[in-house]
C-alpha atoms as a PDB file:
ATOM      1  CA  MET A   1       4.460  35.719  31.871  1.00  0.00           C
ATOM      2  CA  LYS A   2       6.790  38.183  33.565  1.00  0.00           C
ATOM      3  CA  ARG A   3       6.048  40.665  30.789  1.00  0.00           C
ATOM      4  CA  LEU A   4       2.320  40.421  31.515  1.00  0.00           C
ATOM      5  CA  GLY A   5       2.915  41.191  35.162  1.00  0.00           C
ATOM      6  CA  GLU A   6       5.110  44.168  34.313  1.00  0.00           C
ATOM      7  CA  ILE A   7       2.373  45.833  32.306  1.00  0.00           C
ATOM      8  CA  GLY A   8      -0.424  44.826  34.661  1.00  0.00           C
ATOM      9  CA  ILE A   9      -2.235  42.291  32.484  1.00  0.00           C
ATOM     10  CA  ALA A  10      -3.960  39.395  34.226  1.00  0.00           C
ATOM     11  CA  PRO A  11      -5.733  36.478  32.508  1.00  0.00           C
ATOM     12  CA  ALA A  12      -9.458  37.121  32.061  1.00  0.00           C
ATOM     13  CA  SER A  13     -11.579  34.187  33.158  1.00  0.00           C
ATOM     14  CA  ARG A  14     -14.546  35.475  31.149  1.00  0.00           C
ATOM     15  CA  HIS A  15     -12.491  34.902  27.979  1.00  0.00           C
ATOM     16  CA  GLY A  16     -11.296  31.461  29.072  1.00  0.00           C
ATOM     17  CA  GLN A  17      -7.672  32.610  29.066  1.00  0.00           C
ATOM     18  CA  ASN A  18      -5.022  30.092  30.107  1.00  0.00           C
ATOM     19  CA  PHE A  19      -1.599  30.789  28.618  1.00  0.00           C
ATOM     20  CA  LEU A  20       0.530  27.841  27.528  1.00  0.00           C
ATOM     21  CA  ILE A  21       3.894  28.487  29.175  1.00  0.00           C
ATOM     22  CA  ASP A  22       5.729  25.284  28.189  1.00  0.00           C
ATOM     23  CA  LEU A  23       7.556  26.355  25.025  1.00  0.00           C
ATOM     24  CA  ASN A  24       8.231  22.759  24.017  1.00  0.00           C
ATOM     25  CA  LEU A  25       4.494  22.199  23.800  1.00  0.00           C
ATOM     26  CA  VAL A  26       4.011  25.421  21.854  1.00  0.00           C
ATOM     27  CA  GLN A  27       6.569  24.043  19.381  1.00  0.00           C
ATOM     28  CA  LEU A  28       4.734  20.688  19.323  1.00  0.00           C
ATOM     29  CA  ILE A  29       1.549  22.464  18.231  1.00  0.00           C
ATOM     30  CA  VAL A  30       3.441  24.058  15.338  1.00  0.00           C
ATOM     31  CA  ASN A  31       5.084  20.767  14.369  1.00  0.00           C
ATOM     32  CA  SER A  32       1.776  18.905  14.529  1.00  0.00           C
ATOM     33  CA  ALA A  33       0.246  21.351  12.040  1.00  0.00           C
ATOM     34  CA  ASP A  34       3.076  20.857   9.502  1.00  0.00           C
ATOM     35  CA  ILE A  35       2.794  24.474   8.366  1.00  0.00           C
ATOM     36  CA  GLY A  36       4.153  25.461   4.962  1.00  0.00           C
ATOM     37  CA  PRO A  37       4.085  28.467   2.601  1.00  0.00           C
ATOM     38  CA  GLN A  38       0.825  27.284   0.995  1.00  0.00           C
ATOM     39  CA  ASP A  39      -0.974  27.438   4.329  1.00  0.00           C
ATOM     40  CA  VAL A  40      -3.279  30.171   5.567  1.00  0.00           C
ATOM     41  CA  VAL A  41      -3.416  29.810   9.331  1.00  0.00           C
ATOM     42  CA  LEU A  42      -6.364  30.936  11.404  1.00  0.00           C
ATOM     43  CA  GLU A  43      -5.462  31.405  15.062  1.00  0.00           C
ATOM     44  CA  ILE A  44      -8.189  32.096  17.612  1.00  0.00           C
ATOM     45  CA  GLY A  45      -6.724  33.603  20.759  1.00  0.00           C
ATOM     46  CA  THR A  46      -3.485  35.391  19.878  1.00  0.00           C
ATOM     47  CA  GLY A  47      -2.619  35.765  23.540  1.00  0.00           C
ATOM     48  CA  THR A  48       0.922  37.066  23.881  1.00  0.00           C
ATOM     49  CA  GLY A  49       1.778  36.052  20.316  1.00  0.00           C
ATOM     50  CA  SER A  50       4.191  33.258  21.223  1.00  0.00           C
ATOM     51  CA  LEU A  51       2.517  30.663  18.983  1.00  0.00           C
ATOM     52  CA  THR A  52       2.002  33.199  16.200  1.00  0.00           C
ATOM     53  CA  THR A  53       5.688  34.118  16.273  1.00  0.00           C
ATOM     54  CA  LEU A  54       6.699  30.493  15.695  1.00  0.00           C
ATOM     55  CA  MET A  55       4.203  30.008  12.862  1.00  0.00           C
ATOM     56  CA  ALA A  56       4.780  33.257  10.967  1.00  0.00           C
ATOM     57  CA  PRO A  57       8.114  32.308   9.306  1.00  0.00           C
ATOM     58  CA  LYS A  58       6.548  29.095   7.989  1.00  0.00           C
ATOM     59  CA  ALA A  59       3.056  30.129   6.869  1.00  0.00           C
ATOM     60  CA  GLY A  60       1.903  31.899   3.740  1.00  0.00           C
ATOM     61  CA  ARG A  61      -0.549  34.046   5.699  1.00  0.00           C
ATOM     62  CA  ILE A  62      -1.826  34.150   9.276  1.00  0.00           C
ATOM     63  CA  VAL A  63      -5.093  35.626  10.486  1.00  0.00           C
ATOM     64  CA  THR A  64      -4.919  35.827  14.261  1.00  0.00           C
ATOM     65  CA  VAL A  65      -7.868  36.912  16.392  1.00  0.00           C
ATOM     66  CA  GLU A  66      -7.770  38.318  19.921  1.00  0.00           C
ATOM     67  CA  ILE A  67     -10.776  39.673  21.816  1.00  0.00           C
ATOM     68  CA  ASP A  68      -8.781  41.218  24.693  1.00  0.00           C
ATOM     69  CA  GLY A  69      -7.605  44.753  23.911  1.00  0.00           C
ATOM     70  CA  ASN A  70      -4.609  44.649  26.255  1.00  0.00           C
ATOM     71  CA  LEU A  71      -3.337  41.381  24.829  1.00  0.00           C
ATOM     72  CA  PHE A  72      -3.947  42.642  21.303  1.00  0.00           C
ATOM     73  CA  GLU A  73      -1.655  45.613  21.961  1.00  0.00           C
ATOM     74  CA  LEU A  74       0.991  43.396  23.566  1.00  0.00           C
ATOM     75  CA  ALA A  75       0.968  40.886  20.712  1.00  0.00           C
ATOM     76  CA  SER A  76       1.060  43.705  18.156  1.00  0.00           C
ATOM     77  CA  GLU A  77       4.490  44.657  19.473  1.00  0.00           C
ATOM     78  CA  GLN A  78       5.701  41.059  19.121  1.00  0.00           C
ATOM     79  CA  LEU A  79       4.363  40.597  15.598  1.00  0.00           C
ATOM     80  CA  ILE A  80       5.160  43.940  14.014  1.00  0.00           C
ATOM     81  CA  ASP A  81       7.992  42.470  11.915  1.00  0.00           C
ATOM     82  CA  PHE A  82       5.792  39.832  10.223  1.00  0.00           C
ATOM     83  CA  PRO A  83       3.988  41.358   7.198  1.00  0.00           C
ATOM     84  CA  ASN A  84       2.165  38.074   6.522  1.00  0.00           C
ATOM     85  CA  VAL A  85       0.319  38.281   9.854  1.00  0.00           C
ATOM     86  CA  ARG A  86      -3.021  40.067  10.003  1.00  0.00           C
ATOM     87  CA  MET A  87      -4.287  40.766  13.512  1.00  0.00           C
ATOM     88  CA  LEU A  88      -7.946  41.248  14.342  1.00  0.00           C
ATOM     89  CA  GLN A  89      -9.256  42.546  17.649  1.00  0.00           C
ATOM     90  CA  THR A  90     -12.711  41.039  17.749  1.00  0.00           C
ATOM     91  CA  ASP A  91     -14.770  38.094  18.924  1.00  0.00           C
ATOM     92  CA  ALA A  92     -14.197  35.205  16.512  1.00  0.00           C
ATOM     93  CA  LEU A  93     -17.829  34.162  16.861  1.00  0.00           C
ATOM     94  CA  LYS A  94     -20.852  36.218  15.849  1.00  0.00           C
ATOM     95  CA  ASN A  95     -22.900  33.847  18.008  1.00  0.00           C
ATOM     96  CA  LYS A  96     -22.445  30.294  19.270  1.00  0.00           C
ATOM     97  CA  ASN A  97     -23.316  28.854  15.853  1.00  0.00           C
ATOM     98  CA  THR A  98     -21.706  31.351  13.504  1.00  0.00           C
ATOM     99  CA  PHE A  99     -18.237  32.766  12.868  1.00  0.00           C
ATOM    100  CA  SER A 100     -17.787  36.518  12.705  1.00  0.00           C
ATOM    101  CA  PRO A 101     -18.083  37.781   9.105  1.00  0.00           C
ATOM    102  CA  VAL A 102     -15.044  39.983   9.748  1.00  0.00           C
ATOM    103  CA  VAL A 103     -12.958  36.904  10.529  1.00  0.00           C
ATOM    104  CA  MET A 104     -14.255  34.910   7.563  1.00  0.00           C
ATOM    105  CA  ASP A 105     -13.690  37.859   5.204  1.00  0.00           C
ATOM    106  CA  ALA A 106     -10.089  38.117   6.422  1.00  0.00           C
ATOM    107  CA  VAL A 107      -9.589  34.378   5.893  1.00  0.00           C
ATOM    108  CA  GLY A 108     -11.046  34.611   2.386  1.00  0.00           C
ATOM    109  CA  GLN A 109      -8.770  37.534   1.542  1.00  0.00           C
ATOM    110  CA  ALA A 110      -5.714  35.653   2.827  1.00  0.00           C
ATOM    111  CA  LEU A 111      -6.612  32.537   0.840  1.00  0.00           C
ATOM    112  CA  SER A 112      -6.939  34.640  -2.334  1.00  0.00           C
ATOM    113  CA  GLU A 113      -3.386  35.894  -1.805  1.00  0.00           C
ATOM    114  CA  VAL A 114      -1.820  32.424  -1.545  1.00  0.00           C
ATOM    115  CA  PRO A 115      -1.875  30.345  -4.753  1.00  0.00           C
ATOM    116  CA  GLY A 116      -3.336  26.931  -3.937  1.00  0.00           C
ATOM    117  CA  GLY A 117      -3.835  28.136  -0.387  1.00  0.00           C
ATOM    118  CA  ARG A 118      -5.275  25.773   2.207  1.00  0.00           C
ATOM    119  CA  LEU A 119      -6.752  26.782   5.522  1.00  0.00           C
ATOM    120  CA  LYS A 120      -5.486  25.469   8.845  1.00  0.00           C
ATOM    121  CA  LEU A 121      -6.808  26.336  12.270  1.00  0.00           C
ATOM    122  CA  VAL A 122      -3.879  26.291  14.693  1.00  0.00           C
ATOM    123  CA  ALA A 123      -4.596  27.649  18.148  1.00  0.00           C
ATOM    124  CA  ASN A 124      -4.417  27.409  21.893  1.00  0.00           C
ATOM    125  CA  LEU A 125      -8.177  27.750  22.041  1.00  0.00           C
ATOM    126  CA  PRO A 126      -9.908  29.498  24.928  1.00  0.00           C
ATOM    127  CA  TYR A 127     -11.822  26.719  26.684  1.00  0.00           C
ATOM    128  CA  ASN A 128     -15.158  28.526  26.552  1.00  0.00           C
ATOM    129  CA  VAL A 129     -15.262  28.673  22.734  1.00  0.00           C
ATOM    130  CA  ALA A 130     -13.410  25.487  21.766  1.00  0.00           C
ATOM    131  CA  THR A 131     -16.476  23.417  20.865  1.00  0.00           C
ATOM    132  CA  PRO A 132     -18.227  26.011  18.659  1.00  0.00           C
ATOM    133  CA  ILE A 133     -14.940  26.937  16.961  1.00  0.00           C
ATOM    134  CA  LEU A 134     -14.008  23.363  16.024  1.00  0.00           C
ATOM    135  CA  SER A 135     -17.532  22.288  15.167  1.00  0.00           C
ATOM    136  CA  ASN A 136     -18.676  25.319  13.217  1.00  0.00           C
ATOM    137  CA  LEU A 137     -15.528  25.808  11.152  1.00  0.00           C
ATOM    138  CA  LEU A 138     -16.575  22.630   9.330  1.00  0.00           C
ATOM    139  CA  LEU A 139     -19.738  24.450   8.220  1.00  0.00           C
ATOM    140  CA  CYS A 140     -18.002  27.601   6.992  1.00  0.00           C
ATOM    141  CA  GLU A 141     -17.537  28.606   3.374  1.00  0.00           C
ATOM    142  CA  HIS A 142     -13.775  28.121   3.754  1.00  0.00           C
ATOM    143  CA  THR A 143     -13.261  24.455   4.602  1.00  0.00           C
ATOM    144  CA  PRO A 144     -10.216  23.803   6.787  1.00  0.00           C
ATOM    145  CA  HIS A 145      -7.600  21.353   5.597  1.00  0.00           C
ATOM    146  CA  MET A 146      -6.591  20.693   9.186  1.00  0.00           C
ATOM    147  CA  MET A 147      -7.304  21.850  12.738  1.00  0.00           C
ATOM    148  CA  VAL A 148      -4.692  21.580  15.499  1.00  0.00           C
ATOM    149  CA  ALA A 149      -5.711  22.964  18.856  1.00  0.00           C
ATOM    150  CA  THR A 150      -5.253  22.746  22.588  1.00  0.00           C
ATOM    151  CA  ILE A 151      -8.553  22.022  24.301  1.00  0.00           C
ATOM    152  CA  GLN A 152      -9.852  20.350  27.441  1.00  0.00           C
ATOM    153  CA  LYS A 153      -9.010  16.636  27.469  1.00  0.00           C
ATOM    154  CA  GLU A 154     -12.684  15.903  28.072  1.00  0.00           C
ATOM    155  CA  LEU A 155     -13.520  17.563  24.757  1.00  0.00           C
ATOM    156  CA  GLY A 156     -10.696  15.705  23.021  1.00  0.00           C
ATOM    157  CA  ASP A 157     -12.086  12.421  24.349  1.00  0.00           C
ATOM    158  CA  ARG A 158     -15.463  13.274  22.828  1.00  0.00           C
ATOM    159  CA  ILE A 159     -13.951  14.119  19.447  1.00  0.00           C
ATOM    160  CA  VAL A 160     -12.194  10.739  19.092  1.00  0.00           C
ATOM    161  CA  ALA A 161     -14.795   8.576  20.906  1.00  0.00           C
ATOM    162  CA  GLN A 162     -16.166   5.366  19.377  1.00  0.00           C
ATOM    163  CA  PRO A 163     -19.696   3.873  19.571  1.00  0.00           C
ATOM    164  CA  TRP A 164     -20.736   2.244  22.851  1.00  0.00           C
ATOM    165  CA  SER A 165     -18.492   4.584  24.883  1.00  0.00           C
ATOM    166  CA  LYS A 166     -19.754   7.239  27.298  1.00  0.00           C
ATOM    167  CA  ASP A 167     -17.992   9.991  25.323  1.00  0.00           C
ATOM    168  CA  TYR A 168     -19.503   9.079  21.936  1.00  0.00           C
ATOM    169  CA  GLY A 169     -21.925  11.784  20.913  1.00  0.00           C
ATOM    170  CA  ALA A 170     -22.958  14.285  18.268  1.00  0.00           C
ATOM    171  CA  LEU A 171     -19.516  15.921  18.207  1.00  0.00           C
ATOM    172  CA  SER A 172     -17.784  12.536  17.723  1.00  0.00           C
ATOM    173  CA  VAL A 173     -20.025  11.726  14.759  1.00  0.00           C
ATOM    174  CA  TRP A 174     -19.844  15.191  13.214  1.00  0.00           C
ATOM    175  CA  MET A 175     -16.046  15.378  13.314  1.00  0.00           C
ATOM    176  CA  GLN A 176     -15.239  11.777  12.405  1.00  0.00           C
ATOM    177  CA  ALA A 177     -17.729  11.730   9.529  1.00  0.00           C
ATOM    178  CA  GLN A 178     -15.526  14.317   7.817  1.00  0.00           C
ATOM    179  CA  ALA A 179     -12.031  13.897   9.191  1.00  0.00           C
ATOM    180  CA  GLN A 180      -9.346  11.812  10.806  1.00  0.00           C
ATOM    181  CA  THR A 181      -9.225  12.734  14.490  1.00  0.00           C
ATOM    182  CA  GLU A 182      -6.481  12.111  17.020  1.00  0.00           C
ATOM    183  CA  VAL A 183      -5.208  13.244  20.388  1.00  0.00           C
ATOM    184  CA  VAL A 184      -1.564  14.215  19.869  1.00  0.00           C
ATOM    185  CA  ARG A 185      -0.646  14.810  23.509  1.00  0.00           C
ATOM    186  CA  GLU A 186      -2.298  15.218  26.884  1.00  0.00           C
ATOM    187  CA  MET A 187      -1.115  18.160  28.980  1.00  0.00           C
ATOM    188  CA  PRO A 188      -1.230  18.592  32.763  1.00  0.00           C
ATOM    189  CA  PRO A 189      -2.546  21.830  34.308  1.00  0.00           C
ATOM    190  CA  LYS A 190       0.973  22.952  35.326  1.00  0.00           C
ATOM    191  CA  VAL A 191       1.972  23.787  31.726  1.00  0.00           C
ATOM    192  CA  PHE A 192      -0.553  26.655  31.709  1.00  0.00           C
ATOM    193  CA  TRP A 193      -0.771  29.961  33.543  1.00  0.00           C
ATOM    194  CA  PRO A 194      -2.998  30.178  35.418  1.00  0.00           C
ATOM    195  CA  ALA A 195      -3.225  26.415  35.873  1.00  0.00           C
ATOM    196  CA  PRO A 196      -6.719  25.224  34.936  1.00  0.00           C
ATOM    197  CA  LYS A 197      -8.558  22.677  37.061  1.00  0.00           C
ATOM    198  CA  VAL A 198      -8.655  20.184  34.187  1.00  0.00           C
ATOM    199  CA  THR A 199      -6.239  18.216  32.022  1.00  0.00           C
ATOM    200  CA  SER A 200      -5.838  19.520  28.485  1.00  0.00           C
ATOM    201  CA  ALA A 201      -4.913  17.952  25.163  1.00  0.00           C
ATOM    202  CA  ILE A 202      -3.582  18.812  21.737  1.00  0.00           C
ATOM    203  CA  VAL A 203      -5.908  17.426  19.074  1.00  0.00           C
ATOM    204  CA  ARG A 204      -5.377  17.146  15.328  1.00  0.00           C
ATOM    205  CA  VAL A 205      -8.326  16.952  12.944  1.00  0.00           C
ATOM    206  CA  THR A 206      -7.384  16.293   9.304  1.00  0.00           C
ATOM    207  CA  VAL A 207     -10.314  16.814   6.964  1.00  0.00           C
ATOM    208  CA  ASP A 208     -10.939  14.058   4.401  1.00  0.00           C
ATOM    209  CA  PRO A 209     -12.522  15.570   1.255  1.00  0.00           C
ATOM    210  CA  GLU A 210     -13.967  12.193   0.227  1.00  0.00           C
ATOM    211  CA  ARG A 211     -15.750  11.773   3.560  1.00  0.00           C
ATOM    212  CA  ARG A 212     -17.193  15.287   3.320  1.00  0.00           C
ATOM    213  CA  ALA A 213     -18.325  14.695  -0.256  1.00  0.00           C
ATOM    214  CA  ALA A 214     -20.205  11.593   0.908  1.00  0.00           C
ATOM    215  CA  ILE A 215     -22.516  13.789   3.035  1.00  0.00           C
ATOM    216  CA  PRO A 216     -25.105  15.272   0.649  1.00  0.00           C
ATOM    217  CA  ASP A 217     -26.358  17.984   3.025  1.00  0.00           C
ATOM    218  CA  LEU A 218     -23.852  18.923   5.735  1.00  0.00           C
ATOM    219  CA  LYS A 219     -26.129  21.324   7.580  1.00  0.00           C
ATOM    220  CA  TYR A 220     -28.996  18.817   7.715  1.00  0.00           C
ATOM    221  CA  PHE A 221     -26.657  16.073   8.910  1.00  0.00           C
ATOM    222  CA  HIS A 222     -25.189  18.367  11.582  1.00  0.00           C
ATOM    223  CA  GLN A 223     -28.604  19.282  12.982  1.00  0.00           C
ATOM    224  CA  PHE A 224     -30.090  15.783  12.709  1.00  0.00           C
ATOM    225  CA  ILE A 225     -27.190  14.190  14.567  1.00  0.00           C
ATOM    226  CA  LYS A 226     -27.495  16.824  17.318  1.00  0.00           C
ATOM    227  CA  SER A 227     -31.188  15.992  17.666  1.00  0.00           C
ATOM    228  CA  LEU A 228     -30.464  12.263  17.998  1.00  0.00           C
ATOM    229  CA  PHE A 229     -28.103  12.843  20.928  1.00  0.00           C
ATOM    230  CA  LEU A 230     -30.166  15.481  22.753  1.00  0.00           C
ATOM    231  CA  HIS A 231     -31.566  12.904  25.167  1.00  0.00           C
ATOM    232  CA  ARG A 232     -28.966  10.176  25.501  1.00  0.00           C
ATOM    233  CA  ARG A 233     -31.023   7.970  27.834  1.00  0.00           C
ATOM    234  CA  LYS A 234     -33.971   7.764  25.477  1.00  0.00           C
ATOM    235  CA  PHE A 235     -34.288   5.102  22.824  1.00  0.00           C
ATOM    236  CA  LEU A 236     -33.448   6.136  19.263  1.00  0.00           C
ATOM    237  CA  ARG A 237     -37.069   5.908  18.134  1.00  0.00           C
ATOM    238  CA  ALA A 238     -38.219   8.325  20.842  1.00  0.00           C
ATOM    239  CA  ASN A 239     -35.567  10.857  19.852  1.00  0.00           C
ATOM    240  CA  VAL A 240     -36.542  10.692  16.178  1.00  0.00           C
ATOM    241  CA  VAL A 241     -40.257  10.981  16.974  1.00  0.00           C
ATOM    242  CA  ALA A 242     -39.571  14.026  19.175  1.00  0.00           C
ATOM    243  CA  ALA A 243     -37.338  15.725  16.609  1.00  0.00           C
ATOM    244  CA  MET A 244     -39.651  15.045  13.669  1.00  0.00           C
ATOM    245  CA  LYS A 245     -43.033  15.493  15.398  1.00  0.00           C
ATOM    246  CA  GLN A 246     -44.261  18.126  12.944  1.00  0.00           C
ATOM    247  CA  HIS A 247     -42.729  16.469   9.898  1.00  0.00           C
ATOM    248  CA  LEU A 248     -43.088  12.682  10.226  1.00  0.00           C
ATOM    249  CA  SER A 249     -45.788  10.543  11.773  1.00  0.00           C
ATOM    250  CA  LYS A 250     -44.883   7.773  14.214  1.00  0.00           C
ATOM    251  CA  GLU A 251     -45.783   5.303  11.472  1.00  0.00           C
ATOM    252  CA  GLN A 252     -43.306   6.945   9.110  1.00  0.00           C
ATOM    253  CA  VAL A 253     -40.610   6.855  11.780  1.00  0.00           C
ATOM    254  CA  ASP A 254     -41.312   3.163  12.328  1.00  0.00           C
ATOM    255  CA  GLN A 255     -41.051   2.603   8.589  1.00  0.00           C
ATOM    256  CA  VAL A 256     -37.551   4.112   8.525  1.00  0.00           C
ATOM    257  CA  MET A 257     -36.535   2.239  11.676  1.00  0.00           C
ATOM    258  CA  THR A 258     -37.631  -1.039  10.085  1.00  0.00           C
ATOM    259  CA  GLU A 259     -35.804  -0.251   6.853  1.00  0.00           C
ATOM    260  CA  MET A 260     -32.630   0.380   8.857  1.00  0.00           C
ATOM    261  CA  GLN A 261     -33.242  -2.829  10.850  1.00  0.00           C
ATOM    262  CA  PHE A 262     -33.151  -0.884  14.138  1.00  0.00           C
ATOM    263  CA  GLY A 263     -34.790  -2.718  17.009  1.00  0.00           C
ATOM    264  CA  PRO A 264     -37.186  -0.977  19.428  1.00  0.00           C
ATOM    265  CA  ASP A 265     -34.429  -0.758  22.062  1.00  0.00           C
ATOM    266  CA  ALA A 266     -31.779   0.758  19.756  1.00  0.00           C
ATOM    267  CA  ARG A 267     -29.892   3.724  21.216  1.00  0.00           C
ATOM    268  CA  THR A 268     -28.033   6.372  19.246  1.00  0.00           C
ATOM    269  CA  GLU A 269     -24.702   5.844  21.045  1.00  0.00           C
ATOM    270  CA  GLN A 270     -24.601   2.250  19.773  1.00  0.00           C
ATOM    271  CA  ILE A 271     -24.706   3.185  16.086  1.00  0.00           C
ATOM    272  CA  ASP A 272     -21.611   3.691  13.947  1.00  0.00           C
ATOM    273  CA  ILE A 273     -21.112   6.660  11.639  1.00  0.00           C
ATOM    274  CA  PRO A 274     -21.751   4.999   8.230  1.00  0.00           C
ATOM    275  CA  THR A 275     -25.071   3.707   9.571  1.00  0.00           C
ATOM    276  CA  LEU A 276     -26.013   7.136  10.939  1.00  0.00           C
ATOM    277  CA  LEU A 277     -25.213   8.649   7.539  1.00  0.00           C
ATOM    278  CA  ARG A 278     -27.575   6.217   5.789  1.00  0.00           C
ATOM    279  CA  PHE A 279     -30.239   6.835   8.422  1.00  0.00           C
ATOM    280  CA  THR A 280     -29.954  10.612   7.957  1.00  0.00           C
ATOM    281  CA  GLU A 281     -30.478  10.297   4.220  1.00  0.00           C
ATOM    282  CA  LEU A 282     -33.574   8.120   4.608  1.00  0.00           C
ATOM    283  CA  VAL A 283     -35.086  10.670   6.988  1.00  0.00           C
ATOM    284  CA  ARG A 284     -34.050  13.610   4.799  1.00  0.00           C
ATOM    285  CA  ALA A 285     -35.772  12.032   1.795  1.00  0.00           C
ATOM    286  CA  MET A 286     -39.023  11.961   3.780  1.00  0.00           C
ATOM    287  CA  ALA A 287     -38.613  15.317   5.584  1.00  0.00           C
ATOM    288  CA  PRO A 288     -36.302  17.506   3.469  1.00  0.00           C
ATOM    289  CA  ASP A 289     -37.520  20.776   5.014  1.00  0.00           C
ATOM    290  CA  TRP A 290     -36.924  19.781   8.631  1.00  0.00           C
ATOM    291  CA  LYS A 291     -34.765  22.031  10.827  1.00  0.00           C
ATOM    292  CA  LEU A 292     -33.702  21.645  14.445  1.00  0.00           C
END
């Protein structure tokens, strides 16, 4: 971080910048991703380029994205000797639900240049975009093989949460329905500069093609699950009635509830993922044109 001070660069809170300064943990991120020459790595938040520099000798291609112009220039100096690294100075997200087309085009180009290439997201993610990055990459045209990222521990807890727990929610269901999820390591604030006010974690999400293939309509499932968890304190029936009010009558909702053997006091956070998948398909059959 001395170099940043020398050139007058300070972390920008508006970009959620917290630099990981423990090099052992930077190396752990790389090791956890098991990067090889067949891998195309997408990194969101180049920062100073320290993680990129460790990944570049291992990866087939890297697309690294940095929104901050000063950091982009600094990292460019560090990465100039790696021809397999493509740097983009842009916002990775077009909006909170969509990746930037520029980023996705760069990823597609990189994948076309690596025979049998597989996409991996490996990043020290800015806290303010971690959820949309991890969630929405699973809806992109280029499906990731794996995602390894540093995020807030609270978010990591939600990703791996099980039914009946306070952290179990739409993100838990969405991620686990398609992938194996795990917290690799928790990290105290002191390993970052500036030190955040929260504990962080390295998470690893390994996509399971069979699980994804078992979801007939990913976008519908994604939106339906979000609607079921919008009001956690309400009963499941009330959430479905509210979400489907212009598509299904209360009688139709009750019909599906009965078919699923859900009682009147059933709550979404009590229901496991296979059951939610079956429930989604019953509803989709009756209301295929529904959107959140």
